[in-house]
PDB file of N, CA and C in Angstrom:
ATOM      1  N   MET A   1      43.471  46.240 -71.141  1.00  0.00           N
ATOM      2  CA  MET A   1      44.705  47.185 -70.724  1.00  0.00           C
ATOM      3  C   MET A   1      45.940  46.875 -70.870  1.00  0.00           C
ATOM      4  N   VAL A   2      46.080  45.461 -70.335  1.00  0.00           N
ATOM      5  CA  VAL A   2      47.568  44.949 -70.282  1.00  0.00           C
ATOM      6  C   VAL A   2      47.974  44.815 -72.029  1.00  0.00           C
ATOM      7  N   GLU A   3      47.115  44.525 -72.737  1.00  0.00           N
ATOM      8  CA  GLU A   3      47.225  44.112 -74.169  1.00  0.00           C
ATOM      9  C   GLU A   3      47.710  45.628 -74.900  1.00  0.00           C
ATOM     10  N   GLU A   4      47.088  46.583 -74.479  1.00  0.00           N
ATOM     11  CA  GLU A   4      47.334  48.160 -74.805  1.00  0.00           C
ATOM     12  C   GLU A   4      48.875  48.720 -74.510  1.00  0.00           C
ATOM     13  N   ASN A   5      49.037  48.148 -73.003  1.00  0.00           N
ATOM     14  CA  ASN A   5      50.464  48.434 -72.710  1.00  0.00           C
ATOM     15  C   ASN A   5      51.506  47.629 -73.211  1.00  0.00           C
ATOM     16  N   ARG A   6      51.331  46.513 -73.673  1.00  0.00           N
ATOM     17  CA  ARG A   6      52.233  45.837 -74.685  1.00  0.00           C
ATOM     18  C   ARG A   6      52.446  46.329 -75.879  1.00  0.00           C
ATOM     19  N   ALA A   7      51.377  47.036 -76.408  1.00  0.00           N
ATOM     20  CA  ALA A   7      51.315  47.662 -77.645  1.00  0.00           C
ATOM     21  C   ALA A   7      52.278  48.806 -77.564  1.00  0.00           C
ATOM     22  N   LEU A   8      51.769  49.477 -76.543  1.00  0.00           N
ATOM     23  CA  LEU A   8      52.484  50.975 -76.409  1.00  0.00           C
ATOM     24  C   LEU A   8      53.942  50.754 -76.075  1.00  0.00           C
ATOM     25  N   ASP A   9      54.262  49.740 -75.390  1.00  0.00           N
ATOM     26  CA  ASP A   9      55.588  49.167 -75.264  1.00  0.00           C
ATOM     27  C   ASP A   9      56.315  48.708 -76.378  1.00  0.00           C
ATOM     28  N   ALA A  10      55.772  48.144 -77.257  1.00  0.00           N
ATOM     29  CA  ALA A  10      56.677  47.610 -78.349  1.00  0.00           C
ATOM     30  C   ALA A  10      56.645  48.773 -79.456  1.00  0.00           C
ATOM     31  N   VAL A  11      56.004  50.001 -79.521  1.00  0.00           N
ATOM     32  CA  VAL A  11      55.941  51.078 -80.346  1.00  0.00           C
ATOM     33  C   VAL A  11      57.219  52.045 -79.859  1.00  0.00           C
ATOM     34  N   PHE A  12      57.306  52.094 -78.447  1.00  0.00           N
ATOM     35  CA  PHE A  12      58.414  52.790 -77.902  1.00  0.00           C
ATOM     36  C   PHE A  12      59.692  52.232 -78.034  1.00  0.00           C
ATOM     37  N   HIS A  13      59.531  50.644 -77.763  1.00  0.00           N
ATOM     38  CA  HIS A  13      60.941  50.106 -78.189  1.00  0.00           C
ATOM     39  C   HIS A  13      61.287  50.038 -79.549  1.00  0.00           C
ATOM     40  N   ALA A  14      60.649  50.188 -80.504  1.00  0.00           N
ATOM     41  CA  ALA A  14      60.708  50.123 -81.838  1.00  0.00           C
ATOM     42  C   ALA A  14      61.350  51.540 -82.098  1.00  0.00           C
ATOM     43  N   LEU A  15      60.667  52.789 -81.677  1.00  0.00           N
ATOM     44  CA  LEU A  15      61.180  53.983 -81.711  1.00  0.00           C
ATOM     45  C   LEU A  15      62.664  54.313 -81.266  1.00  0.00           C
ATOM     46  N   ALA A  16      63.062  53.312 -80.011  1.00  0.00           N
ATOM     47  CA  ALA A  16      64.216  53.800 -79.322  1.00  0.00           C
ATOM     48  C   ALA A  16      65.674  53.722 -79.987  1.00  0.00           C
ATOM     49  N   HIS A  17      65.335  53.091 -81.238  1.00  0.00           N
ATOM     50  CA  HIS A  17      66.685  53.022 -82.172  1.00  0.00           C
ATOM     51  C   HIS A  17      66.719  53.882 -83.101  1.00  0.00           C
ATOM     52  N   ASP A  18      67.645  54.657 -83.482  1.00  0.00           N
ATOM     53  CA  ASP A  18      67.738  55.650 -84.535  1.00  0.00           C
ATOM     54  C   ASP A  18      67.663  55.083 -86.104  1.00  0.00           C
ATOM     55  N   ALA A  19      68.116  53.841 -86.387  1.00  0.00           N
ATOM     56  CA  ALA A  19      67.928  53.345 -87.490  1.00  0.00           C
ATOM     57  C   ALA A  19      66.515  53.080 -88.030  1.00  0.00           C
ATOM     58  N   ARG A  20      65.786  52.421 -86.691  1.00  0.00           N
ATOM     59  CA  ARG A  20      64.296  52.123 -86.992  1.00  0.00           C
ATOM     60  C   ARG A  20      63.667  53.657 -87.035  1.00  0.00           C
ATOM     61  N   ARG A  21      63.839  54.539 -86.529  1.00  0.00           N
ATOM     62  CA  ARG A  21      63.277  55.633 -86.742  1.00  0.00           C
ATOM     63  C   ARG A  21      63.491  56.237 -88.059  1.00  0.00           C
ATOM     64  N   GLY A  22      64.738  56.149 -88.619  1.00  0.00           N
ATOM     65  CA  GLY A  22      64.916  56.672 -89.759  1.00  0.00           C
ATOM     66  C   GLY A  22      64.234  55.679 -91.005  1.00  0.00           C
ATOM     67  N   MET A  23      64.078  54.493 -90.766  1.00  0.00           N
ATOM     68  CA  MET A  23      63.226  53.569 -91.648  1.00  0.00           C
ATOM     69  C   MET A  23      61.860  53.963 -91.742  1.00  0.00           C
ATOM     70  N   LEU A  24      61.359  54.364 -90.745  1.00  0.00           N
ATOM     71  CA  LEU A  24      59.966  54.628 -90.780  1.00  0.00           C
ATOM     72  C   LEU A  24      59.739  56.235 -91.332  1.00  0.00           C
ATOM     73  N   ARG A  25      60.744  57.040 -91.336  1.00  0.00           N
ATOM     74  CA  ARG A  25      60.478  58.424 -91.808  1.00  0.00           C
ATOM     75  C   ARG A  25      60.593  58.324 -93.288  1.00  0.00           C
ATOM     76  N   ARG A  26      61.488  57.220 -93.603  1.00  0.00           N
ATOM     77  CA  ARG A  26      61.552  56.981 -95.230  1.00  0.00           C
ATOM     78  C   ARG A  26      60.399  56.421 -95.829  1.00  0.00           C
ATOM     79  N   LEU A  27      59.984  55.564 -95.087  1.00  0.00           N
ATOM     80  CA  LEU A  27      58.635  54.824 -95.277  1.00  0.00           C
ATOM     81  C   LEU A  27      57.487  55.631 -95.538  1.00  0.00           C
ATOM     82  N   ALA A  28      57.506  56.684 -94.902  1.00  0.00           N
ATOM     83  CA  ALA A  28      56.331  57.902 -94.755  1.00  0.00           C
ATOM     84  C   ALA A  28      56.277  58.370 -96.464  1.00  0.00           C
ATOM     85  N   ALA A  29      57.227  58.321 -97.152  1.00  0.00           N
ATOM     86  CA  ALA A  29      57.165  58.735 -98.615  1.00  0.00           C
ATOM     87  C   ALA A  29      56.811  57.671 -99.554  1.00  0.00           C
ATOM     88  N   GLY A  30      56.673  56.284 -98.985  1.00  0.00           N
ATOM     89  CA  GLY A  30      56.460  55.203 -99.690  1.00  0.00           C
ATOM     90  C   GLY A  30      56.958  53.978 -99.566  1.00  0.00           C
ATOM     91  N   GLU A  31      56.320  52.826-100.333  1.00  0.00           N
ATOM     92  CA  GLU A  31      56.981  51.526-100.024  1.00  0.00           C
ATOM     93  C   GLU A  31      58.667  51.567-100.400  1.00  0.00           C
ATOM     94  N   LEU A  32      59.423  50.507 -99.469  1.00  0.00           N
ATOM     95  CA  LEU A  32      60.681  50.320 -99.965  1.00  0.00           C
ATOM     96  C   LEU A  32      60.940  49.034 -99.701  1.00  0.00           C
ATOM     97  N   SER A  33      62.033  48.480-100.185  1.00  0.00           N
ATOM     98  CA  SER A  33      62.643  47.178 -99.923  1.00  0.00           C
ATOM     99  C   SER A  33      63.332  47.246 -98.995  1.00  0.00           C
ATOM    100  N   VAL A  34      63.699  46.062 -98.168  1.00  0.00           N
ATOM    101  CA  VAL A  34      64.710  45.945 -96.878  1.00  0.00           C
ATOM    102  C   VAL A  34      65.738  46.416 -97.505  1.00  0.00           C
ATOM    103  N   GLY A  35      66.191  46.155 -98.758  1.00  0.00           N
ATOM    104  CA  GLY A  35      67.494  46.518 -99.282  1.00  0.00           C
ATOM    105  C   GLY A  35      67.695  48.058 -99.363  1.00  0.00           C
ATOM    106  N   GLU A  36      66.719  48.734 -99.811  1.00  0.00           N
ATOM    107  CA  GLU A  36      66.777  50.273 -99.908  1.00  0.00           C
ATOM    108  C   GLU A  36      66.472  50.787 -98.496  1.00  0.00           C
ATOM    109  N   LEU A  37      65.780  50.013 -97.555  1.00  0.00           N
ATOM    110  CA  LEU A  37      66.025  50.695 -96.059  1.00  0.00           C
ATOM    111  C   LEU A  37      67.506  50.473 -95.609  1.00  0.00           C
ATOM    112  N   ALA A  38      68.128  49.475 -96.086  1.00  0.00           N
ATOM    113  CA  ALA A  38      69.484  49.061 -95.351  1.00  0.00           C
ATOM    114  C   ALA A  38      70.541  50.132 -95.911  1.00  0.00           C
ATOM    115  N   GLU A  39      70.299  50.456 -97.472  1.00  0.00           N
ATOM    116  CA  GLU A  39      71.540  51.117 -98.118  1.00  0.00           C
ATOM    117  C   GLU A  39      71.923  52.349 -97.307  1.00  0.00           C
ATOM    118  N   PRO A  40      70.812  53.481 -96.910  1.00  0.00           N
ATOM    119  CA  PRO A  40      71.805  54.778 -96.347  1.00  0.00           C
ATOM    120  C   PRO A  40      72.275  54.448 -94.867  1.00  0.00           C
ATOM    121  N   LEU A  41      71.922  53.536 -94.389  1.00  0.00           N
ATOM    122  CA  LEU A  41      72.366  53.151 -92.845  1.00  0.00           C
ATOM    123  C   LEU A  41      73.894  52.335 -93.140  1.00  0.00           C
ATOM    124  N   ARG A  42      74.063  51.784 -94.356  1.00  0.00           N
ATOM    125  CA  ARG A  42      75.542  51.146 -94.551  1.00  0.00           C
ATOM    126  C   ARG A  42      75.418  49.702 -93.518  1.00  0.00           C
ATOM    127  N   MET A  43      74.135  49.039 -93.341  1.00  0.00           N
ATOM    128  CA  MET A  43      74.171  47.930 -92.769  1.00  0.00           C
ATOM    129  C   MET A  43      73.868  46.801 -93.585  1.00  0.00           C
ATOM    130  N   SER A  44      74.215  45.799 -93.370  1.00  0.00           N
ATOM    131  CA  SER A  44      73.791  44.343 -93.954  1.00  0.00           C
ATOM    132  C   SER A  44      72.189  44.373 -94.010  1.00  0.00           C
ATOM    133  N   LEU A  45      71.790  43.145 -95.126  1.00  0.00           N
ATOM    134  CA  LEU A  45      70.447  43.079 -95.222  1.00  0.00           C
ATOM    135  C   LEU A  45      70.023  42.270 -94.082  1.00  0.00           C
ATOM    136  N   ALA A  46      70.641  41.445 -93.233  1.00  0.00           N
ATOM    137  CA  ALA A  46      70.283  40.629 -92.228  1.00  0.00           C
ATOM    138  C   ALA A  46      70.129  41.740 -91.087  1.00  0.00           C
ATOM    139  N   ALA A  47      70.932  42.637 -90.668  1.00  0.00           N
ATOM    140  CA  ALA A  47      70.784  43.710 -89.818  1.00  0.00           C
ATOM    141  C   ALA A  47      69.438  44.434 -89.861  1.00  0.00           C
ATOM    142  N   ALA A  48      69.406  44.826 -91.234  1.00  0.00           N
ATOM    143  CA  ALA A  48      67.971  45.884 -91.721  1.00  0.00           C
ATOM    144  C   ALA A  48      67.124  44.864 -91.511  1.00  0.00           C
ATOM    145  N   SER A  49      66.967  43.628 -91.780  1.00  0.00           N
ATOM    146  CA  SER A  49      65.730  42.800 -91.678  1.00  0.00           C
ATOM    147  C   SER A  49      65.250  42.789 -90.167  1.00  0.00           C
ATOM    148  N   LYS A  50      66.582  42.600 -89.193  1.00  0.00           N
ATOM    149  CA  LYS A  50      66.053  42.344 -87.933  1.00  0.00           C
ATOM    150  C   LYS A  50      65.455  43.813 -87.430  1.00  0.00           C
ATOM    151  N   HIS A  51      65.894  44.763 -87.888  1.00  0.00           N
ATOM    152  CA  HIS A  51      65.147  46.264 -87.586  1.00  0.00           C
ATOM    153  C   HIS A  51      63.761  46.172 -88.070  1.00  0.00           C
ATOM    154  N   VAL A  52      63.657  45.758 -89.273  1.00  0.00           N
ATOM    155  CA  VAL A  52      62.209  45.682 -89.932  1.00  0.00           C
ATOM    156  C   VAL A  52      61.397  44.953 -89.018  1.00  0.00           C
ATOM    157  N   LYS A  53      62.060  43.656 -88.462  1.00  0.00           N
ATOM    158  CA  LYS A  53      60.968  42.726 -87.902  1.00  0.00           C
ATOM    159  C   LYS A  53      60.558  43.359 -86.321  1.00  0.00           C
ATOM    160  N   VAL A  54      61.512  44.165 -86.024  1.00  0.00           N
ATOM    161  CA  VAL A  54      60.773  44.799 -84.551  1.00  0.00           C
ATOM    162  C   VAL A  54      59.949  46.027 -85.052  1.00  0.00           C
ATOM    163  N   LEU A  55      60.108  46.532 -86.046  1.00  0.00           N
ATOM    164  CA  LEU A  55      58.985  47.490 -86.393  1.00  0.00           C
ATOM    165  C   LEU A  55      57.743  46.790 -86.962  1.00  0.00           C
ATOM    166  N   GLU A  56      57.558  45.582 -87.493  1.00  0.00           N
ATOM    167  CA  GLU A  56      56.739  44.841 -87.788  1.00  0.00           C
ATOM    168  C   GLU A  56      56.043  44.289 -86.163  1.00  0.00           C
ATOM    169  N   GLN A  57      56.681  43.846 -85.421  1.00  0.00           N
ATOM    170  CA  GLN A  57      56.070  43.396 -84.374  1.00  0.00           C
ATOM    171  C   GLN A  57      55.105  44.567 -83.448  1.00  0.00           C
ATOM    172  N   ALA A  58      56.004  45.772 -83.900  1.00  0.00           N
ATOM    173  CA  ALA A  58      54.944  46.767 -82.973  1.00  0.00           C
ATOM    174  C   ALA A  58      53.922  47.408 -84.037  1.00  0.00           C
ATOM    175  N   GLY A  59      53.728  46.808 -85.041  1.00  0.00           N
ATOM    176  CA  GLY A  59      52.797  46.912 -85.891  1.00  0.00           C
ATOM    177  C   GLY A  59      52.911  48.313 -86.748  1.00  0.00           C
ATOM    178  N   LEU A  60      54.096  48.841 -86.830  1.00  0.00           N
ATOM    179  CA  LEU A  60      54.417  50.087 -87.444  1.00  0.00           C
ATOM    180  C   LEU A  60      54.847  49.960 -89.029  1.00  0.00           C
ATOM    181  N   VAL A  61      54.947  48.555 -89.422  1.00  0.00           N
ATOM    182  CA  VAL A  61      55.614  48.124 -90.810  1.00  0.00           C
ATOM    183  C   VAL A  61      54.746  46.884 -90.988  1.00  0.00           C
ATOM    184  N   GLU A  62      54.158  47.001 -92.433  1.00  0.00           N
ATOM    185  CA  GLU A  62      53.630  45.750 -92.827  1.00  0.00           C
ATOM    186  C   GLU A  62      54.699  45.467 -94.062  1.00  0.00           C
ATOM    187  N   ARG A  63      55.124  43.916 -94.140  1.00  0.00           N
ATOM    188  CA  ARG A  63      56.300  43.588 -95.280  1.00  0.00           C
ATOM    189  C   ARG A  63      55.231  42.465 -96.112  1.00  0.00           C
ATOM    190  N   THR A  64      55.587  42.505 -97.275  1.00  0.00           N
ATOM    191  CA  THR A  64      55.123  41.399 -98.183  1.00  0.00           C
ATOM    192  C   THR A  64      56.107  40.842 -99.020  1.00  0.00           C
ATOM    193  N   VAL A  65      56.155  39.868 -99.437  1.00  0.00           N
ATOM    194  CA  VAL A  65      57.225  39.029 -99.814  1.00  0.00           C
ATOM    195  C   VAL A  65      56.959  38.520-101.447  1.00  0.00           C
ATOM    196  N   THR A  66      57.542  38.988-102.317  1.00  0.00           N
ATOM    197  CA  THR A  66      57.271  38.530-103.676  1.00  0.00           C
ATOM    198  C   THR A  66      58.613  37.858-104.119  1.00  0.00           C
ATOM    199  N   GLY A  67      58.729  36.730-104.146  1.00  0.00           N
ATOM    200  CA  GLY A  67      60.041  35.841-104.403  1.00  0.00           C
ATOM    201  C   GLY A  67      61.016  36.202-103.481  1.00  0.00           C
ATOM    202  N   ARG A  68      62.175  36.822-103.733  1.00  0.00           N
ATOM    203  CA  ARG A  68      63.129  37.112-102.770  1.00  0.00           C
ATOM    204  C   ARG A  68      63.198  38.648-102.174  1.00  0.00           C
ATOM    205  N   ARG A  69      62.184  39.273-102.843  1.00  0.00           N
ATOM    206  CA  ARG A  69      62.057  40.834-102.772  1.00  0.00           C
ATOM    207  C   ARG A  69      61.141  41.089-101.527  1.00  0.00           C
ATOM    208  N   HIS A  70      61.339  41.708-100.594  1.00  0.00           N
ATOM    209  CA  HIS A  70      60.720  42.066 -99.424  1.00  0.00           C
ATOM    210  C   HIS A  70      60.542  43.615 -99.344  1.00  0.00           C
ATOM    211  N   VAL A  71      59.033  43.647 -99.561  1.00  0.00           N
ATOM    212  CA  VAL A  71      58.662  45.193 -99.601  1.00  0.00           C
ATOM    213  C   VAL A  71      57.972  45.731 -98.270  1.00  0.00           C
ATOM    214  N   CYS A  72      58.418  46.920 -97.662  1.00  0.00           N
ATOM    215  CA  CYS A  72      57.683  47.371 -96.625  1.00  0.00           C
ATOM    216  C   CYS A  72      56.926  48.538 -96.710  1.00  0.00           C
ATOM    217  N   ARG A  73      55.992  48.689 -96.124  1.00  0.00           N
ATOM    218  CA  ARG A  73      55.134  49.891 -96.116  1.00  0.00           C
ATOM    219  C   ARG A  73      54.560  50.046 -94.762  1.00  0.00           C
ATOM    220  N   LEU A  74      54.563  51.391 -94.494  1.00  0.00           N
ATOM    221  CA  LEU A  74      54.376  52.104 -93.315  1.00  0.00           C
ATOM    222  C   LEU A  74      52.865  52.014 -92.654  1.00  0.00           C
ATOM    223  N   ARG A  75      52.705  51.480 -91.566  1.00  0.00           N
ATOM    224  CA  ARG A  75      51.407  51.327 -91.048  1.00  0.00           C
ATOM    225  C   ARG A  75      51.403  52.448 -89.610  1.00  0.00           C
ATOM    226  N   PRO A  76      51.069  53.672 -89.818  1.00  0.00           N
ATOM    227  CA  PRO A  76      51.341  54.922 -88.876  1.00  0.00           C
ATOM    228  C   PRO A  76      50.154  54.552 -87.770  1.00  0.00           C
ATOM    229  N   HIS A  77      49.220  53.860 -87.523  1.00  0.00           N
ATOM    230  CA  HIS A  77      48.375  53.966 -86.671  1.00  0.00           C
ATOM    231  C   HIS A  77      48.853  53.700 -85.187  1.00  0.00           C
ATOM    232  N   PRO A  78      49.526  52.628 -84.897  1.00  0.00           N
ATOM    233  CA  PRO A  78      49.958  52.685 -83.725  1.00  0.00           C
ATOM    234  C   PRO A  78      50.952  53.832 -83.302  1.00  0.00           C
ATOM    235  N   LEU A  79      51.278  54.804 -84.040  1.00  0.00           N
ATOM    236  CA  LEU A  79      51.957  55.914 -83.712  1.00  0.00           C
ATOM    237  C   LEU A  79      51.167  56.628 -82.945  1.00  0.00           C
ATOM    238  N   SER A  80      49.748  56.660 -83.219  1.00  0.00           N
ATOM    239  CA  SER A  80      48.545  57.522 -82.714  1.00  0.00           C
ATOM    240  C   SER A  80      48.695  57.348 -81.239  1.00  0.00           C
ATOM    241  N   ASP A  81      48.589  56.245 -80.716  1.00  0.00           N
ATOM    242  CA  ASP A  81      48.666  55.880 -79.350  1.00  0.00           C
ATOM    243  C   ASP A  81      49.785  56.492 -78.437  1.00  0.00           C
ATOM    244  N   ALA A  82      51.092  56.394 -79.078  1.00  0.00           N
ATOM    245  CA  ALA A  82      52.046  56.946 -78.714  1.00  0.00           C
ATOM    246  C   ALA A  82      52.040  58.331 -78.511  1.00  0.00           C
ATOM    247  N   VAL A  83      51.419  58.960 -79.566  1.00  0.00           N
ATOM    248  CA  VAL A  83      51.493  60.534 -79.582  1.00  0.00           C
ATOM    249  C   VAL A  83      50.622  60.845 -78.388  1.00  0.00           C
ATOM    250  N   ALA A  84      49.218  60.201 -78.219  1.00  0.00           N
ATOM    251  CA  ALA A  84      48.268  60.380 -77.327  1.00  0.00           C
ATOM    252  C   ALA A  84      48.994  60.304 -75.914  1.00  0.00           C
ATOM    253  N   TRP A  85      49.881  59.289 -75.468  1.00  0.00           N
ATOM    254  CA  TRP A  85      50.308  58.984 -74.298  1.00  0.00           C
ATOM    255  C   TRP A  85      51.348  60.199 -74.125  1.00  0.00           C
ATOM    256  N   LEU A  86      51.927  60.774 -75.067  1.00  0.00           N
ATOM    257  CA  LEU A  86      52.809  61.861 -74.886  1.00  0.00           C
ATOM    258  C   LEU A  86      52.233  63.383 -74.817  1.00  0.00           C
ATOM    259  N   ARG A  87      50.960  63.381 -75.421  1.00  0.00           N
ATOM    260  CA  ARG A  87      50.235  64.643 -75.049  1.00  0.00           C
ATOM    261  C   ARG A  87      49.917  65.056 -73.842  1.00  0.00           C
ATOM    262  N   PHE A  88      49.561  64.051 -72.941  1.00  0.00           N
ATOM    263  CA  PHE A  88      49.390  63.958 -71.617  1.00  0.00           C
ATOM    264  C   PHE A  88      50.499  64.845 -70.794  1.00  0.00           C
ATOM    265  N   TYR A  89      51.802  64.523 -71.183  1.00  0.00           N
ATOM    266  CA  TYR A  89      52.713  64.888 -70.647  1.00  0.00           C
ATOM    267  C   TYR A  89      53.215  66.380 -71.261  1.00  0.00           C
ATOM    268  N   GLU A  90      52.738  66.382 -72.402  1.00  0.00           N
ATOM    269  CA  GLU A  90      52.998  68.076 -73.124  1.00  0.00           C
ATOM    270  C   GLU A  90      52.120  68.942 -72.161  1.00  0.00           C
ATOM    271  N   GLY A  91      51.066  68.770 -71.794  1.00  0.00           N
ATOM    272  CA  GLY A  91      50.142  69.522 -70.988  1.00  0.00           C
ATOM    273  C   GLY A  91      50.940  69.619 -69.597  1.00  0.00           C
ATOM    274  N   PHE A  92      51.328  68.784 -68.981  1.00  0.00           N
ATOM    275  CA  PHE A  92      52.036  68.685 -67.847  1.00  0.00           C
ATOM    276  C   PHE A  92      53.076  69.838 -67.648  1.00  0.00           C
ATOM    277  N   TRP A  93      54.103  69.552 -68.963  1.00  0.00           N
ATOM    278  CA  TRP A  93      55.014  70.408 -68.916  1.00  0.00           C
ATOM    279  C   TRP A  93      54.961  71.806 -69.386  1.00  0.00           C
ATOM    280  N   ASP A  94      53.797  71.970 -70.130  1.00  0.00           N
ATOM    281  CA  ASP A  94      53.413  73.461 -70.428  1.00  0.00           C
ATOM    282  C   ASP A  94      52.892  74.050 -69.149  1.00  0.00           C
ATOM    283  N   ALA A  95      52.257  73.506 -68.281  1.00  0.00           N
ATOM    284  CA  ALA A  95      51.794  73.907 -66.988  1.00  0.00           C
ATOM    285  C   ALA A  95      52.891  74.327 -66.146  1.00  0.00           C
ATOM    286  N   ARG A  96      53.955  73.469 -66.155  1.00  0.00           N
ATOM    287  CA  ARG A  96      54.968  73.600 -65.522  1.00  0.00           C
ATOM    288  C   ARG A  96      55.834  74.828 -65.807  1.00  0.00           C
ATOM    289  N   LEU A  97      56.088  74.605 -67.004  1.00  0.00           N
ATOM    290  CA  LEU A  97      56.771  75.930 -67.665  1.00  0.00           C
ATOM    291  C   LEU A  97      56.291  77.277 -67.516  1.00  0.00           C
ATOM    292  N   ASP A  98      54.940  77.276 -67.552  1.00  0.00           N
ATOM    293  CA  ASP A  98      54.265  78.526 -67.336  1.00  0.00           C
ATOM    294  C   ASP A  98      54.255  79.010 -66.085  1.00  0.00           C
ATOM    295  N   ALA A  99      54.269  77.917 -65.031  1.00  0.00           N
ATOM    296  CA  ALA A  99      54.372  78.422 -63.575  1.00  0.00           C
ATOM    297  C   ALA A  99      55.941  78.836 -63.182  1.00  0.00           C
ATOM    298  N   LEU A 100      57.027  78.252 -63.855  1.00  0.00           N
ATOM    299  CA  LEU A 100      58.175  78.899 -63.684  1.00  0.00           C
ATOM    300  C   LEU A 100      58.413  80.275 -64.405  1.00  0.00           C
ATOM    301  N   GLN A 101      57.776  80.451 -65.641  1.00  0.00           N
ATOM    302  CA  GLN A 101      58.052  81.719 -66.212  1.00  0.00           C
ATOM    303  C   GLN A 101      57.160  82.730 -65.258  1.00  0.00           C
ATOM    304  N   HIS A 102      56.283  82.450 -64.566  1.00  0.00           N
ATOM    305  CA  HIS A 102      55.517  83.300 -63.560  1.00  0.00           C
ATOM    306  C   HIS A 102      56.381  83.585 -62.532  1.00  0.00           C
ATOM    307  N   VAL A 103      57.216  82.655 -61.943  1.00  0.00           N
ATOM    308  CA  VAL A 103      58.016  83.028 -60.844  1.00  0.00           C
ATOM    309  C   VAL A 103      59.276  83.739 -61.504  1.00  0.00           C
ATOM    310  N   LEU A 104      59.592  83.659 -62.507  1.00  0.00           N
ATOM    311  CA  LEU A 104      60.987  84.227 -63.025  1.00  0.00           C
ATOM    312  C   LEU A 104      60.912  85.615 -63.768  1.00  0.00           C
ATOM    313  N   ASP A 105      59.649  85.924 -63.787  1.00  0.00           N
ATOM    314  CA  ASP A 105      59.340  87.181 -64.547  1.00  0.00           C
ATOM    315  C   ASP A 105      59.029  88.117 -63.588  1.00  0.00           C
ATOM    316  N   PRO A 106      59.683  89.312 -63.654  1.00  0.00           N
ATOM    317  CA  PRO A 106      59.683  90.468 -62.462  1.00  0.00           C
ATOM    318  C   PRO A 106      58.164  90.917 -62.881  1.00  0.00           C
ATOM    319  N   PRO A 107      57.488  91.463 -61.537  1.00  0.00           N
ATOM    320  CA  PRO A 107      56.460  91.994 -61.655  1.00  0.00           C
ATOM    321  C   PRO A 107      56.449  93.380 -62.545  1.00  0.00           C
ATOM    322  N   HIS A 108      55.617  93.655 -63.401  1.00  0.00           N
ATOM    323  CA  HIS A 108      55.619  94.809 -64.360  1.00  0.00           C
ATOM    324  C   HIS A 108      54.569  95.765 -63.385  1.00  0.00           C
ATOM    325  N   PRO A 109      55.439  97.085 -63.239  1.00  0.00           N
ATOM    326  CA  PRO A 109      54.651  98.221 -62.981  1.00  0.00           C
ATOM    327  C   PRO A 109      53.480  98.580 -63.443  1.00  0.00           C
ATOM    328  N   SER A 110      52.433  99.096 -62.942  1.00  0.00           N
ATOM    329  CA  SER A 110      51.174  99.389 -63.458  1.00  0.00           C
ATOM    330  C   SER A 110      51.318 100.539 -64.354  1.00  0.00           C
ATOM    331  N   VAL A 111      50.636 100.977 -65.074  1.00  0.00           N
ATOM    332  CA  VAL A 111      50.722 102.235 -66.083  1.00  0.00           C
ATOM    333  C   VAL A 111      50.091 103.194 -65.165  1.00  0.00           C
ATOM    334  N   HIS A 112      49.132 102.925 -63.928  1.00  0.00           N
ATOM    335  CA  HIS A 112      48.928 103.968 -63.072  1.00  0.00           C
ATOM    336  C   HIS A 112      49.686 104.364 -62.063  1.00  0.00           C
ATOM    337  N   GLU A 113      50.848 103.526 -61.754  1.00  0.00           N
ATOM    338  CA  GLU A 113      51.608 103.763 -60.650  1.00  0.00           C
ATOM    339  C   GLU A 113      52.649 105.031 -61.207  1.00  0.00           C
ATOM    340  N   GLU A 114      52.988 105.745 -60.078  1.00  0.00           N
ATOM    341  CA  GLU A 114      53.925 107.050 -60.631  1.00  0.00           C
ATOM    342  C   GLU A 114      55.005 106.514 -60.321  1.00  0.00           C
ATOM    343  N   ALA A 115      56.419 106.796 -61.000  1.00  0.00           N
ATOM    344  CA  ALA A 115      57.602 106.475 -60.482  1.00  0.00           C
ATOM    345  C   ALA A 115      58.189 107.687 -59.706  1.00  0.00           C
ATOM    346  N   PRO A 116      58.962 107.405 -58.690  1.00  0.00           N
ATOM    347  CA  PRO A 116      59.346 108.480 -57.829  1.00  0.00           C
ATOM    348  C   PRO A 116      60.273 109.411 -58.471  1.00  0.00           C
TER     349      PRO A 116
END
């Protein structure tokens, strides 16, 4: 249980930064080098590599090194644990919003009721 919590914490930590979310989105289309991941973000290779390291630690990215080229690929499985955690709260908020709508909606007159 503790290990599951650590893994989920690592995923949410990785998703907490916009640059890392963007990297994951782009990796969903296919493998990219660290340089290619850094390019649209206008950051140094060192900064991009640090972000990739966070994604690797969360298990979201796998990096292979061939010479000086570091190629990254998405490993989406850890995201399923985060989605499952969020789904619980989706049900909670759906129920709360339904209750609010019930309070805010005025009662509808019955078709059998006659207006004065």
